Amino acid sequence: MGAIIDAVLCASVDDEERFRQILQRFVDEKELPTFVSFTAEDPKKKKKRKLKAEREAQEAAELAAQLALDCDKDLHALIRQKQKSRAAEMDDFFSNLEAKYAQPKTKAKKEVKQSSASTLQRISRKRKK
């Protein structure tokens, strides 16, 4: 049963009884073969798994206390920091693209002014004639 709990994602010792019921139903329906290690599991092994899980939970709580983690606040701060850095990177990226590929605006304005001035001169010449 320990191997099953280790293999199933997000499973804990608390789920053991539920898994045992599901597997026993499959054994009763002859969909799974009976294994001695499953049907005649030593109660000491079950108790040992439970104690190990409790020790690991206690150790995790102690480590969290040592690191003084306030998960929600730290997570929100980390997410905000990451968003700001990504925004800065995107701004920098667009600035680099603009500097590399954008046409200078001053030349375009001069050309427009010159063309409009020359157009006005032509129109005024035609009217004078």
Protein backbone atom coordinates (compact mmCIF):
# COMPACT_ATOMS: atom_id res chain seq x y z
CA MET A 1 0.00 0.00 0.00
CA GLY A 2 2.94 2.32 0.64
CA ALA A 3 4.04 2.05 -2.99
CA ILE A 4 0.54 2.94 -4.16
CA ILE A 5 0.38 6.03 -1.96
CA ASP A 6 3.82 7.10 -3.19
CA ALA A 7 2.84 6.56 -6.83
CA VAL A 8 -0.47 8.45 -6.76
CA LEU A 9 -0.07 12.21 -7.11
CA CYS A 10 -1.15 14.29 -4.12
CA ALA A 11 -2.03 11.18 -2.10
CA SER A 12 -1.36 10.93 1.59
CA VAL A 13 -1.73 8.38 4.35
CA ASP A 14 -5.21 9.79 4.95
CA ASP A 15 -6.28 8.44 1.54
CA GLU A 16 -5.13 4.90 2.33
CA GLU A 17 -8.50 3.58 3.51
CA ARG A 18 -10.28 4.97 0.45
CA PHE A 19 -7.70 3.35 -1.87
CA ARG A 20 -8.01 0.09 0.03
CA GLN A 21 -11.80 0.06 -0.48
CA ILE A 22 -11.49 0.77 -4.19
CA LEU A 23 -8.84 -1.91 -4.70
CA GLN A 24 -10.77 -4.44 -2.63
CA ARG A 25 -13.85 -3.89 -4.82
CA PHE A 26 -11.71 -4.63 -7.90
CA VAL A 27 -10.32 -7.76 -6.25
CA ASP A 28 -13.85 -8.92 -5.35
CA GLU A 29 -14.97 -8.38 -8.95
CA LYS A 30 -11.91 -10.38 -10.12
CA GLU A 31 -10.56 -7.42 -12.10
CA LEU A 32 -7.37 -7.49 -10.03
CA PRO A 33 -5.52 -10.51 -8.72
CA THR A 34 -5.21 -10.96 -4.96
CA PHE A 35 -1.81 -10.28 -3.49
CA VAL A 36 -0.76 -11.48 -0.07
CA SER A 37 0.95 -8.16 0.63
CA PHE A 38 -2.41 -6.44 0.09
CA THR A 39 -4.83 -8.83 1.73
CA ALA A 40 -2.66 -9.72 4.73
CA GLU A 41 -0.80 -6.48 5.29
CA ASP A 42 0.93 -6.22 8.64
CA PRO A 43 -0.73 -3.58 10.88
CA LYS A 44 2.76 -2.49 11.95
CA LYS A 45 3.50 -1.35 8.40
CA LYS A 46 0.36 0.78 8.33
CA LYS A 47 1.23 2.33 11.68
CA LYS A 48 4.81 2.93 10.53
CA ARG A 49 3.58 4.76 7.38
CA LYS A 50 1.30 6.92 9.48
CA LEU A 51 4.07 7.83 11.93
CA LYS A 52 6.41 8.65 9.06
CA ALA A 53 3.82 10.96 7.50
CA GLU A 54 3.26 12.70 10.84
CA ARG A 55 7.01 13.22 11.30
CA GLU A 56 7.32 14.68 7.80
CA ALA A 57 4.40 17.03 8.44
CA GLN A 58 5.95 18.16 11.71
CA GLU A 59 9.33 18.68 10.05
CA ALA A 60 7.73 20.73 7.27
CA ALA A 61 5.94 22.89 9.84
CA GLU A 62 9.21 23.48 11.71
CA LEU A 63 11.05 24.44 8.53
CA ALA A 64 8.27 26.82 7.57
CA ALA A 65 8.47 28.41 11.01
CA GLN A 66 12.25 28.76 10.71
CA LEU A 67 11.94 30.47 7.37
CA ALA A 68 9.11 32.62 8.73
CA LEU A 69 7.04 32.03 5.65
CA ASP A 70 3.74 33.76 5.36
CA CYS A 71 2.73 31.94 2.22
CA ASP A 72 -0.08 34.19 1.01
CA LYS A 73 1.74 37.48 1.46
CA ASP A 74 5.03 36.16 0.13
CA LEU A 75 3.34 34.59 -2.86
CA HIS A 76 1.46 37.78 -3.73
CA ALA A 77 4.63 39.84 -3.37
CA LEU A 78 6.55 37.39 -5.53
CA ILE A 79 3.86 37.47 -8.22
CA ARG A 80 3.75 41.29 -8.23
CA GLN A 81 7.54 41.48 -8.44
CA LYS A 82 7.59 39.05 -11.36
CA GLN A 83 4.85 41.01 -13.16
CA LYS A 84 6.78 44.25 -12.75
CA SER A 85 9.97 42.73 -14.07
CA ARG A 86 8.12 41.27 -17.06
CA ALA A 87 6.51 44.63 -17.78
CA ALA A 88 9.91 46.31 -17.64
CA GLU A 89 11.35 43.68 -19.98
CA MET A 90 8.49 44.21 -22.46
CA ASP A 91 8.93 47.98 -22.36
CA ASP A 92 12.64 47.54 -22.98
CA PHE A 93 11.92 45.07 -25.79
CA PHE A 94 9.53 47.47 -27.53
CA SER A 95 11.92 50.39 -27.05
CA ASN A 96 14.69 48.38 -28.69
CA LEU A 97 12.42 47.45 -31.60
CA GLU A 98 11.30 51.05 -32.00
CA ALA A 99 14.87 52.30 -31.99
CA LYS A 100 15.91 49.69 -34.50
CA TYR A 101 13.03 49.80 -36.99
CA ALA A 102 11.12 53.08 -36.54
CA GLN A 103 11.61 55.84 -39.10
CA PRO A 104 12.70 59.18 -37.66
CA LYS A 105 9.64 61.44 -37.47
CA THR A 106 11.51 64.68 -38.22
CA LYS A 107 12.33 63.74 -41.82
CA ALA A 108 8.74 62.86 -42.56
CA LYS A 109 7.51 66.22 -41.30
CA LYS A 110 10.03 68.14 -43.38
CA GLU A 111 9.06 66.28 -46.51
CA VAL A 112 5.40 66.97 -45.87
CA LYS A 113 6.08 70.67 -45.31
CA GLN A 114 8.19 70.92 -48.44
CA SER A 115 5.67 69.08 -50.54
CA SER A 116 2.80 71.15 -49.22
CA ALA A 117 4.79 74.36 -49.82
CA SER A 118 5.62 73.33 -53.35
CA THR A 119 2.00 72.35 -53.95
CA LEU A 120 0.84 75.75 -52.71
CA GLN A 121 3.30 77.48 -55.00
CA ARG A 122 2.04 75.53 -58.01
CA ILE A 123 -1.55 76.33 -57.18
CA SER A 124 -0.80 80.01 -56.79
CA ARG A 125 1.05 80.07 -60.14
CA LYS A 126 -1.91 78.47 -61.90
CA ARG A 127 -4.28 81.02 -60.44
CA LYS A 128 -2.10 83.90 -61.54
CA LYS A 129 -2.14 82.72 -65.13
